[in-house]
């Protein structure tokens, strides 16, 4: 979104909704700053490779969400981050967030005046910087191969230099919790050196991710009691013990007023503190303000959009923002929710931009089907309900699995209500796979469709049959339905249902898709794997056309 578009959008938005918070423990801070490091720490996850355009889009999305700080990367570390900060200054106009450049302290026995890392931080022209320094005596003596006095001087000199240059300084105390356990006197010396030279925030980092909640709360409380109100204390927790979010909650209970983490918990090894979980936990459970009023409802869409940009399939079971977070299958749960939504939901799904979902299978009764239809916005009378139940039982007996294919289920229910999709009808398709001299397999698909009475045939080439069929359909109808360009396949699964039949077995194909705002799954079942794939692909495209605006 361009700066002008953002300004126009802001001008048409009503006054923000004030979030209704629960009672807060008097010992907790009234609010906590959210510091997002998806663009640096999150990008270290295996499989993520962000372009500069990707980083700019994610930064814009984070500003829309309303996080306080966006860590953009390490200027000077690589050409990509250099370009990002150059373009960010020209192309991004943040309404809510502060962009932060990340770097390290000066080198051992070096001078701040000619240190390239510190110079690059200033050249990034951000109003705030975050520098990392060793707070563990082990890492100073064994990794940096220098003295503890020099390790402390590296921090104090660097913070003094940056603070004197007029930028806000956050100090990231690397390996702090491990350092505190081994030598608390030195770990505290490093923090005091940063605070005395002008650091506004001391970030206690569990770099190896090995701490547990009771340890984090105790250590953070010791630090906040020592510094009182002289400086802000933040926590940066990794998830190596599976306690990243729990540790962050413990850190806030210990007095931290800033939490650092990443969207969807992206990060090296097992990931970082997941902001899509910690934010609603702090706000909806503990009464601590995090995002600006009215922004919490954007959490689910931000999670999904950023997952799309990094090309990762969203975790359906992610707390709060996952597609299964408020999904109900058991008949007892469904009947109770029909009377009281809060019977089996710990928060209102809409508070985080999600929604209640009823999962339907062949065991579903009329009440479940009726609730699902109402959720979608379909009016099913008695005969239509019976038709849906009979069709579900028949298809699931054949191998369909509709609780994993919400998109195909909705289309089935719409057809039972008399709906016929108007987008296209299939006349025929053909897939050809040829092996070239270089042993590469070239795949070509030919589809013949009827659109508004016109017969259209197109050829598509791709990396396999499904990709080729998808390309051919888009070539045939893409001009008429430009919104199709927003629909992307994110995952493709094939399962053999009756392995005893060998190559003649029935196969089930599941396709996951997204338009950047919502995700859906579709299904196909056949003894012919290409036919099963076509069924799932056709449902995916029809659902996408139905729910994606131009």
Protein backbone atom coordinates (compact mmCIF):
# COMPACT_ATOMS: atom_id res chain seq x y z
CA UNK A 1 0.00 0.00 0.00
CA UNK A 2 1.46 3.35 -1.00
CA UNK A 3 1.70 6.24 1.50
CA UNK A 4 -1.13 8.06 -0.32
CA UNK A 5 -3.35 4.98 -0.27
CA UNK A 6 -2.66 4.50 3.44
CA UNK A 7 -3.57 8.11 4.14
CA UNK A 8 -6.81 7.79 2.16
CA UNK A 9 -7.67 4.55 3.94
CA UNK A 10 -7.01 6.13 7.30
CA UNK A 11 -9.24 9.08 6.46
CA UNK A 12 -12.19 6.74 5.84
CA UNK A 13 -11.75 4.59 8.95
CA UNK A 14 -14.13 5.20 11.84
CA UNK A 15 -12.81 5.98 15.29
CA UNK A 16 -10.90 2.92 16.59
CA UNK A 17 -12.79 0.45 18.71
CA UNK A 18 -11.55 0.44 22.30
CA UNK A 19 -10.60 -3.11 23.24
CA UNK A 20 -12.46 -4.45 26.28
CA UNK A 21 -9.76 -5.79 28.58
CA UNK A 22 -10.21 -8.11 31.56
CA UNK A 23 -9.19 -7.07 35.07
CA UNK A 24 -5.42 -6.71 35.37
CA UNK A 25 -3.31 -7.96 38.25
CA UNK A 26 -2.06 -4.81 40.04
CA UNK A 27 1.48 -6.17 39.88
CA UNK A 28 1.48 -6.21 36.07
CA UNK A 29 2.38 -3.27 33.84
CA UNK A 30 -0.56 -1.44 32.28
CA UNK A 31 0.90 -1.90 28.81
CA UNK A 32 3.72 -3.77 27.08
CA UNK A 33 5.54 -2.74 23.91
CA UNK A 34 5.62 -5.25 21.06
CA UNK A 35 8.93 -5.45 19.20
CA UNK A 36 8.76 -7.51 16.02
CA UNK A 37 11.91 -9.12 14.62
CA UNK A 38 10.33 -11.24 11.86
CA UNK A 39 12.43 -9.51 9.20
CA UNK A 40 15.70 -10.48 10.89
CA UNK A 41 15.35 -13.23 13.49
CA UNK A 42 12.33 -14.76 11.78
CA UNK A 43 14.08 -14.83 8.41
CA UNK A 44 16.70 -17.16 9.90
CA UNK A 45 14.23 -20.05 9.83
CA UNK A 46 15.20 -22.79 7.38
CA UNK A 47 13.20 -22.42 4.17
CA UNK A 48 12.58 -18.67 4.43
CA UNK A 49 14.27 -16.45 1.86
CA UNK A 50 12.82 -12.96 1.67
CA UNK A 51 13.30 -10.55 -1.20
CA UNK A 52 13.49 -6.82 -0.50
CA UNK A 53 9.93 -6.48 -1.82
CA UNK A 54 8.84 -9.22 0.59
CA UNK A 55 10.43 -7.38 3.51
CA UNK A 56 8.74 -4.12 2.56
CA UNK A 57 5.34 -5.83 2.31
CA UNK A 58 5.80 -7.52 5.69
CA UNK A 59 6.89 -4.24 7.29
CA UNK A 60 3.78 -2.53 5.92
CA UNK A 61 1.62 -5.37 7.27
CA UNK A 62 3.23 -5.06 10.71
CA UNK A 63 2.56 -1.33 10.78
CA UNK A 64 -1.08 -2.00 9.94
CA UNK A 65 -1.19 -4.47 12.82
CA UNK A 66 0.24 -1.80 15.10
CA UNK A 67 3.40 -3.29 16.64
CA UNK A 68 5.56 -0.67 18.33
CA UNK A 69 8.92 -1.59 16.77
CA UNK A 70 9.83 -3.32 13.50
CA UNK A 71 13.38 -4.60 13.31
CA UNK A 72 14.25 -4.34 9.63
CA UNK A 73 17.55 -6.21 9.51
CA UNK A 74 21.30 -5.69 9.81
CA UNK A 75 22.39 -2.84 7.50
CA UNK A 76 25.71 -3.57 5.87
CA UNK A 77 25.54 -7.31 6.54
CA UNK A 78 24.36 -8.02 2.99
CA UNK A 79 23.21 -6.09 -0.08
CA UNK A 80 19.58 -7.05 0.55
CA UNK A 81 19.42 -5.28 3.91
CA UNK A 82 21.27 -2.26 2.54
CA UNK A 83 18.64 -1.94 -0.18
CA UNK A 84 15.83 -2.51 2.28
CA UNK A 85 16.78 0.42 4.50
CA UNK A 86 17.37 2.65 1.49
CA UNK A 87 13.94 1.85 0.07
CA UNK A 88 12.18 1.85 3.43
CA UNK A 89 13.13 5.48 3.94
CA UNK A 90 11.57 6.38 0.59
CA UNK A 91 8.65 3.99 0.27
CA UNK A 92 7.31 3.29 3.77
CA UNK A 93 5.32 5.79 5.78
CA UNK A 94 4.59 4.15 9.10
CA UNK A 95 1.49 5.26 10.95
CA UNK A 96 2.10 3.30 14.17
CA UNK A 97 5.49 1.59 14.18
CA UNK A 98 9.12 2.63 14.58
CA UNK A 99 11.67 1.07 12.23
CA UNK A 100 14.79 -0.26 13.96
CA UNK A 101 18.20 -1.12 12.49
CA UNK A 102 20.04 -3.99 14.17
CA UNK A 103 23.78 -4.41 14.62
CA UNK A 104 26.50 -5.24 17.12
CA UNK A 105 28.87 -3.41 19.42
CA UNK A 106 32.28 -2.33 18.22
CA UNK A 107 34.94 -4.96 17.65
CA UNK A 108 37.31 -6.06 20.45
CA UNK A 109 40.11 -3.52 20.90
CA UNK A 110 38.59 -1.42 18.13
CA UNK A 111 37.46 2.22 18.02
CA UNK A 112 33.88 3.36 17.62
CA UNK A 113 34.86 6.19 15.24
CA UNK A 114 35.94 3.81 12.49
CA UNK A 115 33.81 0.78 13.29
CA UNK A 116 31.93 -0.22 10.08
CA UNK A 117 29.00 -1.84 11.90
CA UNK A 118 28.24 1.25 13.96
CA UNK A 119 28.65 3.47 10.90
CA UNK A 120 26.23 1.31 8.92
CA UNK A 121 23.69 1.61 11.73
CA UNK A 122 23.78 5.38 11.49
CA UNK A 123 23.74 5.29 7.69
CA UNK A 124 20.44 3.35 7.84
CA UNK A 125 18.89 6.61 9.12
CA UNK A 126 16.43 5.00 11.50
CA UNK A 127 15.39 6.83 14.65
CA UNK A 128 16.16 3.75 16.77
CA UNK A 129 18.85 1.08 16.70
CA UNK A 130 19.31 -2.17 18.60
CA UNK A 131 22.83 -3.43 19.24
CA UNK A 132 23.77 -6.84 20.52
CA UNK A 133 26.61 -7.39 22.97
CA UNK A 134 27.89 -10.25 25.08
CA UNK A 135 26.56 -10.41 28.63
CA UNK A 136 27.97 -13.86 29.38
CA UNK A 137 31.50 -14.04 30.70
CA UNK A 138 31.97 -17.39 28.93
CA UNK A 139 31.22 -15.84 25.54
CA UNK A 140 33.46 -12.85 26.17
CA UNK A 141 36.49 -14.92 27.10
CA UNK A 142 35.92 -17.97 24.87
CA UNK A 143 34.14 -16.54 21.80
CA UNK A 144 35.52 -13.01 21.61
CA UNK A 145 38.85 -14.06 23.16
CA UNK A 146 39.13 -10.89 25.19
CA UNK A 147 38.92 -9.73 28.80
CA UNK A 148 35.78 -9.01 30.79
CA UNK A 149 36.81 -5.36 31.13
CA UNK A 150 37.10 -5.10 27.35
CA UNK A 151 33.75 -6.83 26.91
CA UNK A 152 32.12 -4.23 29.15
CA UNK A 153 33.94 -1.39 27.35
CA UNK A 154 32.71 -2.62 23.96
CA UNK A 155 29.14 -2.15 25.20
CA UNK A 156 29.61 1.20 26.93
CA UNK A 157 31.63 2.75 24.08
CA UNK A 158 29.12 1.64 21.44
CA UNK A 159 26.03 2.81 23.30
CA UNK A 160 27.71 6.16 24.10
CA UNK A 161 28.64 6.68 20.45
CA UNK A 162 25.17 5.91 19.10
CA UNK A 163 23.36 7.86 21.81
CA UNK A 164 25.56 10.89 21.12
CA UNK A 165 24.59 10.62 17.45
CA UNK A 166 20.98 11.25 18.43
CA UNK A 167 19.39 7.84 17.94
CA UNK A 168 17.38 5.82 20.43
CA UNK A 169 19.41 2.83 21.59
CA UNK A 170 18.14 -0.58 22.66
CA UNK A 171 20.80 -2.92 24.03
CA UNK A 172 20.35 -6.65 23.35
CA UNK A 173 22.18 -8.54 26.11
CA UNK A 174 23.05 -11.77 24.30
CA UNK A 175 23.08 -15.02 26.31
CA UNK A 176 21.88 -13.02 29.32
CA UNK A 177 20.07 -15.78 31.21
CA UNK A 178 22.92 -18.23 30.78
CA UNK A 179 25.39 -15.50 31.72
CA UNK A 180 23.39 -14.60 34.82
CA UNK A 181 23.41 -18.21 36.00
CA UNK A 182 27.19 -18.45 35.58
CA UNK A 183 28.37 -14.98 36.59
CA UNK A 184 25.59 -12.58 37.62
CA UNK A 185 28.08 -9.90 38.64
CA UNK A 186 29.45 -9.54 35.11
CA UNK A 187 26.02 -9.82 33.46
CA UNK A 188 24.80 -6.93 35.63
CA UNK A 189 27.95 -4.89 34.92
CA UNK A 190 27.20 -5.06 31.20
CA UNK A 191 23.60 -3.90 31.69
CA UNK A 192 24.72 -1.03 33.92
CA UNK A 193 27.29 0.04 31.36
CA UNK A 194 24.60 0.22 28.66
CA UNK A 195 22.12 2.04 30.90
CA UNK A 196 24.64 4.60 32.10
CA UNK A 197 25.61 5.51 28.54
CA UNK A 198 22.05 6.15 27.35
CA UNK A 199 20.37 2.87 26.36
CA UNK A 200 16.62 3.34 26.79
CA UNK A 201 15.83 -0.40 26.84
CA UNK A 202 17.79 -3.40 28.14
CA UNK A 203 16.80 -6.55 26.25
CA UNK A 204 17.39 -9.75 28.21
CA UNK A 205 17.94 -12.43 25.58
CA UNK A 206 17.66 -16.18 26.10
CA UNK A 207 19.81 -16.80 23.04
CA UNK A 208 20.05 -20.58 23.38
CA UNK A 209 16.39 -20.87 24.37
CA UNK A 210 17.09 -23.16 27.32
CA UNK A 211 15.45 -21.25 30.17
CA UNK A 212 12.18 -22.15 31.86
CA UNK A 213 9.38 -19.81 33.00
CA UNK A 214 10.16 -19.83 36.73
CA UNK A 215 13.80 -18.97 35.95
CA UNK A 216 12.85 -16.14 33.59
CA UNK A 217 10.40 -14.57 36.02
CA UNK A 218 12.91 -14.69 38.88
CA UNK A 219 15.79 -13.21 36.86
CA UNK A 220 13.70 -10.46 35.25
CA UNK A 221 12.30 -9.47 38.64
CA UNK A 222 15.84 -9.16 40.01
CA UNK A 223 16.83 -6.90 37.10
CA UNK A 224 13.74 -4.68 37.22
CA UNK A 225 14.12 -4.24 40.97
CA UNK A 226 17.75 -3.22 40.48
CA UNK A 227 17.08 -0.61 37.76
CA UNK A 228 13.61 0.43 38.96
CA UNK A 229 12.32 3.13 36.58
CA UNK A 230 15.73 4.22 35.31
CA UNK A 231 15.50 2.11 32.14
CA UNK A 232 13.00 -0.18 30.42
CA UNK A 233 13.53 -3.94 30.52
CA UNK A 234 12.57 -6.19 27.61
CA UNK A 235 12.69 -9.95 27.03
CA UNK A 236 13.69 -11.83 23.87
CA UNK A 237 12.90 -15.54 24.21
CA UNK A 238 13.55 -18.47 21.88
CA UNK A 239 11.42 -21.60 21.84
CA UNK A 240 13.94 -24.42 22.17
CA UNK A 241 12.19 -25.84 25.24
CA UNK A 242 8.72 -25.14 23.84
CA UNK A 243 8.38 -22.38 26.44
CA UNK A 244 8.94 -19.28 24.31
CA UNK A 245 5.48 -17.79 24.94
CA UNK A 246 5.32 -19.01 28.53
CA UNK A 247 8.73 -17.46 29.18
CA UNK A 248 7.57 -14.15 27.73
CA UNK A 249 4.51 -14.18 30.00
CA UNK A 250 6.83 -14.94 32.92
CA UNK A 251 9.08 -12.07 31.88
CA UNK A 252 6.15 -9.64 31.95
CA UNK A 253 5.15 -10.97 35.36
CA UNK A 254 8.72 -10.23 36.41
CA UNK A 255 8.42 -6.61 35.28
CA UNK A 256 9.42 -6.53 31.60
CA UNK A 257 7.59 -3.83 29.64
CA UNK A 258 8.62 -4.94 26.15
CA UNK A 259 8.37 -8.36 24.48
CA UNK A 260 10.36 -9.23 21.37
CA UNK A 261 9.27 -11.99 19.03
CA UNK A 262 8.16 -12.90 15.53
CA UNK A 263 4.90 -13.42 13.69
CA UNK A 264 3.93 -17.12 13.72
CA UNK A 265 7.01 -17.86 15.84
CA UNK A 266 9.37 -17.94 12.86
CA UNK A 267 13.05 -18.16 13.77
CA UNK A 268 16.14 -20.33 13.71
CA UNK A 269 16.09 -23.81 15.24
CA UNK A 270 12.66 -24.21 16.86
CA UNK A 271 11.67 -20.56 16.50
CA UNK A 272 11.06 -17.46 18.58
CA UNK A 273 8.41 -16.30 20.99
CA UNK A 274 5.26 -16.30 18.84
CA UNK A 275 3.71 -12.83 18.77
CA UNK A 276 0.38 -14.13 17.47
CA UNK A 277 0.06 -16.05 20.74
CA UNK A 278 1.74 -13.72 23.23
CA UNK A 279 -0.22 -10.63 22.14
CA UNK A 280 -3.72 -12.05 22.83
CA UNK A 281 -2.50 -13.84 25.94
CA UNK A 282 -1.28 -10.57 27.40
CA UNK A 283 -4.30 -8.55 26.32
CA UNK A 284 -7.25 -10.94 26.52
CA UNK A 285 -6.06 -13.03 29.47
CA UNK A 286 -3.93 -10.70 31.59
CA UNK A 287 -5.49 -7.31 30.81
CA UNK A 288 -2.18 -5.82 29.61
CA UNK A 289 -2.46 -3.50 26.60
CA UNK A 290 -0.28 -4.42 23.63
CA UNK A 291 -1.55 -3.24 20.24
CA UNK A 292 -3.37 0.07 19.70
CA UNK A 293 -7.13 -0.05 20.29
CA UNK A 294 -9.01 -1.85 17.53
CA UNK A 295 -5.93 -3.54 16.05
CA UNK A 296 -6.17 -6.92 17.76
CA UNK A 297 -8.88 -7.97 15.30
CA UNK A 298 -6.26 -7.80 12.54
CA UNK A 299 -4.12 -10.50 14.15
CA UNK A 300 -5.41 -13.50 12.19
CA UNK A 301 -5.26 -11.77 8.82
CA UNK A 302 -1.72 -10.49 9.55
CA UNK A 303 -0.64 -14.02 10.47
CA UNK A 304 -2.07 -15.44 7.24
CA UNK A 305 -0.78 -12.68 4.98
CA UNK A 306 2.74 -12.87 6.32
CA UNK A 307 2.66 -16.68 6.01
CA UNK A 308 1.71 -16.20 2.37
CA UNK A 309 4.57 -13.76 1.77
CA UNK A 310 7.17 -16.09 3.30
CA UNK A 311 5.55 -18.98 1.39
CA UNK A 312 4.84 -21.09 4.47
CA UNK A 313 1.55 -22.93 5.00
CA UNK A 314 -0.16 -21.50 8.11
CA UNK A 315 -0.35 -23.87 11.06
CA UNK A 316 -4.07 -24.77 11.34
CA UNK A 317 -3.68 -25.52 15.05
CA UNK A 318 -1.93 -22.29 15.97
CA UNK A 319 -3.57 -20.77 19.06
CA UNK A 320 -5.94 -17.88 18.37
CA UNK A 321 -5.13 -17.46 14.65
CA UNK A 322 -5.17 -21.04 13.29
CA UNK A 323 -8.04 -22.23 11.12
CA UNK A 324 -8.71 -24.97 13.71
CA UNK A 325 -8.35 -22.71 16.75
CA UNK A 326 -12.14 -22.39 17.06
CA UNK A 327 -13.21 -25.43 15.04
CA UNK A 328 -15.69 -27.86 16.59
CA UNK A 329 -16.41 -31.42 15.53
CA UNK A 330 -17.85 -33.28 18.50
CA UNK A 331 -21.65 -33.32 18.48
CA UNK A 332 -21.83 -32.41 22.18
CA UNK A 333 -19.69 -29.32 21.59
CA UNK A 334 -21.68 -28.26 18.52
CA UNK A 335 -25.05 -28.56 20.24
CA UNK A 336 -23.78 -26.58 23.24
CA UNK A 337 -22.30 -23.83 21.07
CA UNK A 338 -25.62 -23.55 19.23
CA UNK A 339 -27.05 -22.33 22.54
CA UNK A 340 -24.04 -20.52 24.01
CA UNK A 341 -20.97 -19.66 21.90
CA UNK A 342 -18.77 -19.36 24.96
CA UNK A 343 -19.56 -22.92 26.09
CA UNK A 344 -16.46 -24.33 24.35
CA UNK A 345 -14.54 -21.20 23.32
CA UNK A 346 -12.14 -19.55 25.75
CA UNK A 347 -12.35 -16.15 23.99
CA UNK A 348 -14.54 -14.62 21.32
CA UNK A 349 -12.86 -15.67 18.03
CA UNK A 350 -13.76 -12.32 16.47
CA UNK A 351 -11.61 -10.53 19.06
CA UNK A 352 -8.53 -11.78 17.15
CA UNK A 353 -10.12 -11.66 13.69
CA UNK A 354 -10.87 -15.39 13.58
CA UNK A 355 -14.23 -17.18 13.63
CA UNK A 356 -16.10 -20.21 14.86
CA UNK A 357 -16.00 -23.15 12.46
CA UNK A 358 -18.04 -26.34 12.55
CA UNK A 359 -16.25 -29.39 11.19
CA UNK A 360 -18.52 -31.74 9.29
CA UNK A 361 -18.07 -35.46 8.63
CA UNK A 362 -20.33 -38.41 7.80
CA UNK A 363 -21.17 -38.65 11.51
CA UNK A 364 -22.72 -35.18 11.52
CA UNK A 365 -26.39 -34.77 12.32
CA UNK A 366 -28.85 -32.24 10.95
CA UNK A 367 -28.06 -29.73 13.70
CA UNK A 368 -24.37 -29.70 12.80
CA UNK A 369 -25.08 -29.37 9.08
CA UNK A 370 -27.59 -26.59 9.74
CA UNK A 371 -25.10 -24.68 11.90
CA UNK A 372 -22.39 -25.09 9.27
CA UNK A 373 -24.75 -23.82 6.58
CA UNK A 374 -25.68 -20.78 8.67
CA UNK A 375 -21.98 -20.12 9.33
CA UNK A 376 -21.40 -20.00 5.56
CA UNK A 377 -24.61 -18.06 4.90
CA UNK A 378 -26.58 -20.81 3.13
CA UNK A 379 -30.26 -21.46 3.77
CA UNK A 380 -30.91 -25.22 3.66
CA UNK A 381 -34.49 -26.46 3.99
CA UNK A 382 -35.38 -29.94 5.26
CA UNK A 383 -34.96 -31.84 1.97
CA UNK A 384 -31.70 -30.03 1.23
CA UNK A 385 -30.33 -30.91 4.68
CA UNK A 386 -31.21 -34.55 4.15
CA UNK A 387 -29.60 -34.43 0.70
CA UNK A 388 -26.37 -33.04 2.14
CA UNK A 389 -26.22 -35.70 4.86
CA UNK A 390 -26.85 -38.51 2.37
CA UNK A 391 -24.24 -37.13 -0.02
CA UNK A 392 -21.69 -36.76 2.79
CA UNK A 393 -22.18 -40.36 3.87
CA UNK A 394 -21.87 -41.62 0.29
CA UNK A 395 -18.77 -39.59 -0.53
CA UNK A 396 -16.96 -40.26 2.74
CA UNK A 397 -17.60 -43.96 2.19
CA UNK A 398 -15.80 -43.55 -1.15
CA UNK A 399 -12.82 -41.94 0.57
CA UNK A 400 -13.66 -38.23 0.80
CA UNK A 401 -12.70 -36.49 4.02
CA UNK A 402 -14.63 -33.25 4.32
CA UNK A 403 -13.40 -32.16 7.73
CA UNK A 404 -10.07 -31.60 5.96
CA UNK A 405 -11.67 -29.93 2.93
CA UNK A 406 -13.76 -26.97 4.04
CA UNK A 407 -13.77 -25.45 0.56
CA UNK A 408 -15.21 -28.54 -1.13
CA UNK A 409 -17.75 -28.92 1.69
CA UNK A 410 -19.05 -25.39 1.17
CA UNK A 411 -19.43 -25.97 -2.57
CA UNK A 412 -21.27 -29.25 -1.91
CA UNK A 413 -23.70 -27.47 0.43
CA UNK A 414 -24.24 -24.64 -2.03
CA UNK A 415 -25.04 -27.13 -4.80
CA UNK A 416 -27.53 -28.86 -2.50
CA UNK A 417 -29.27 -25.50 -2.08
CA UNK A 418 -29.59 -25.21 -5.87
CA UNK A 419 -26.51 -23.12 -6.65
CA UNK A 420 -24.48 -23.66 -9.82
CA UNK A 421 -21.25 -21.80 -10.18
CA UNK A 422 -21.23 -19.37 -13.14
CA UNK A 423 -17.51 -19.18 -13.80
CA UNK A 424 -16.82 -21.97 -16.30
CA UNK A 425 -17.74 -25.51 -17.25
CA UNK A 426 -15.35 -28.24 -18.25
CA UNK A 427 -15.56 -29.88 -21.65
CA UNK A 428 -12.36 -31.92 -21.46
CA UNK A 429 -8.74 -31.96 -20.34
CA UNK A 430 -5.67 -33.88 -21.36
CA UNK A 431 -2.28 -34.18 -19.68
CA UNK A 432 0.88 -35.23 -21.53
CA UNK A 433 4.17 -36.06 -19.82
CA UNK A 434 7.26 -36.44 -21.99
CA UNK A 435 10.77 -37.41 -20.96
CA UNK A 436 13.43 -35.38 -22.71
CA UNK A 437 16.98 -36.33 -23.56
CA UNK A 438 18.26 -34.71 -20.38
CA UNK A 439 15.89 -36.97 -18.37
CA UNK A 440 13.72 -33.98 -17.43
CA UNK A 441 9.99 -34.59 -17.58
CA UNK A 442 8.09 -31.90 -19.47
CA UNK A 443 4.39 -31.72 -18.58
CA UNK A 444 1.75 -30.17 -20.81
CA UNK A 445 -1.97 -29.84 -20.14
CA UNK A 446 -4.73 -29.00 -22.61
CA UNK A 447 -8.08 -27.83 -21.23
CA UNK A 448 -11.28 -26.99 -23.07
CA UNK A 449 -13.70 -24.85 -21.10
CA UNK A 450 -16.98 -23.10 -21.79
CA UNK A 451 -17.19 -19.55 -20.46
CA UNK A 452 -20.36 -17.52 -21.05
CA UNK A 453 -21.25 -19.83 -23.92
CA UNK A 454 -17.85 -19.46 -25.55
CA UNK A 455 -15.67 -22.54 -26.03
CA UNK A 456 -12.06 -21.81 -25.04
CA UNK A 457 -9.11 -24.15 -25.32
CA UNK A 458 -5.71 -23.42 -23.85
CA UNK A 459 -2.39 -25.17 -23.27
CA UNK A 460 -0.45 -24.92 -20.04
CA UNK A 461 3.02 -26.12 -19.15
CA UNK A 462 4.15 -26.77 -15.63
CA UNK A 463 6.12 -28.69 -13.09
CA UNK A 464 3.87 -31.73 -13.04
CA UNK A 465 0.25 -32.41 -14.03
CA UNK A 466 -1.46 -30.23 -11.41
CA UNK A 467 0.75 -27.23 -12.12
CA UNK A 468 0.19 -27.66 -15.87
CA UNK A 469 -3.61 -27.96 -15.46
CA UNK A 470 -3.63 -24.90 -13.22
CA UNK A 471 -1.63 -22.94 -15.80
CA UNK A 472 -3.97 -23.99 -18.61
CA UNK A 473 -7.11 -22.94 -16.71
CA UNK A 474 -5.59 -19.60 -15.79
CA UNK A 475 -4.61 -19.03 -19.42
CA UNK A 476 -8.20 -19.77 -20.47
CA UNK A 477 -10.11 -17.63 -17.96
CA UNK A 478 -7.55 -15.31 -16.36
CA UNK A 479 -8.46 -12.35 -18.55
CA UNK A 480 -12.14 -12.60 -17.62
CA UNK A 481 -11.46 -13.25 -13.92
CA UNK A 482 -8.37 -11.18 -12.97
CA UNK A 483 -9.00 -11.94 -9.27
CA UNK A 484 -7.69 -15.43 -10.02
CA UNK A 485 -4.16 -14.00 -9.88
CA UNK A 486 -4.62 -13.62 -6.11
CA UNK A 487 -5.38 -17.33 -5.63
CA UNK A 488 -2.34 -19.52 -4.97
CA UNK A 489 -1.87 -23.20 -4.16
CA UNK A 490 0.10 -23.61 -0.92
CA UNK A 491 0.15 -27.37 -0.41
CA UNK A 492 -0.65 -30.57 -2.30
CA UNK A 493 -1.12 -33.96 -0.64
CA UNK A 494 -1.78 -37.40 -2.10
CA UNK A 495 -2.81 -40.42 -0.07
CA UNK A 496 -3.37 -43.97 -1.32
CA UNK A 497 -6.52 -45.29 0.38
CA UNK A 498 -6.40 -49.02 -0.36
CA UNK A 499 -2.78 -50.03 -0.73
CA UNK A 500 -3.66 -53.70 -1.36
CA UNK A 501 -4.71 -52.75 -4.90
CA UNK A 502 -1.25 -51.41 -5.72
CA UNK A 503 -1.17 -49.02 -8.66
CA UNK A 504 -4.92 -49.48 -9.13
CA UNK A 505 -5.72 -48.09 -5.70
CA UNK A 506 -8.08 -45.20 -5.03
CA UNK A 507 -6.18 -42.01 -4.24
CA UNK A 508 -7.22 -38.95 -2.29
CA UNK A 509 -5.84 -35.55 -3.28
CA UNK A 510 -6.00 -32.54 -0.96
CA UNK A 511 -5.10 -29.05 -2.14
CA UNK A 512 -4.58 -26.10 0.24
CA UNK A 513 -4.98 -22.62 -1.27
CA UNK A 514 -5.05 -19.00 -0.21
CA UNK A 515 -5.88 -15.56 -1.56
CA UNK A 516 -3.77 -13.83 1.09
CA UNK A 517 -6.79 -13.13 3.29
CA UNK A 518 -8.30 -16.54 3.79
CA UNK A 519 -7.16 -20.13 3.28
CA UNK A 520 -9.16 -23.17 2.23
CA UNK A 521 -8.77 -26.85 1.37
CA UNK A 522 -10.39 -28.89 -1.40
CA UNK A 523 -10.49 -32.59 -2.16
CA UNK A 524 -10.73 -35.09 -4.98
CA UNK A 525 -10.97 -38.91 -4.89
CA UNK A 526 -10.56 -41.31 -7.79
CA UNK A 527 -8.73 -44.40 -8.98
CA UNK A 528 -7.18 -42.02 -11.52
CA UNK A 529 -4.81 -39.68 -9.69
CA UNK A 530 -5.07 -37.04 -12.42
CA UNK A 531 -8.86 -37.04 -12.14
CA UNK A 532 -8.64 -36.74 -8.35
CA UNK A 533 -6.21 -33.85 -8.72
CA UNK A 534 -8.51 -32.13 -11.23
CA UNK A 535 -11.50 -32.42 -8.85
CA UNK A 536 -9.53 -30.79 -6.04
CA UNK A 537 -8.05 -28.15 -8.34
CA UNK A 538 -11.41 -27.22 -9.87
CA UNK A 539 -13.00 -26.82 -6.42
CA UNK A 540 -10.02 -24.73 -5.31
CA UNK A 541 -10.33 -22.32 -8.23
CA UNK A 542 -14.13 -22.09 -8.00
CA UNK A 543 -13.96 -21.38 -4.26
CA UNK A 544 -11.26 -18.78 -4.87
CA UNK A 545 -13.31 -17.04 -7.55
CA UNK A 546 -16.35 -17.08 -5.27
CA UNK A 547 -14.55 -15.46 -2.34
CA UNK A 548 -11.88 -13.25 -3.92
CA UNK A 549 -12.75 -9.72 -4.97
CA UNK A 550 -11.27 -8.20 -8.10
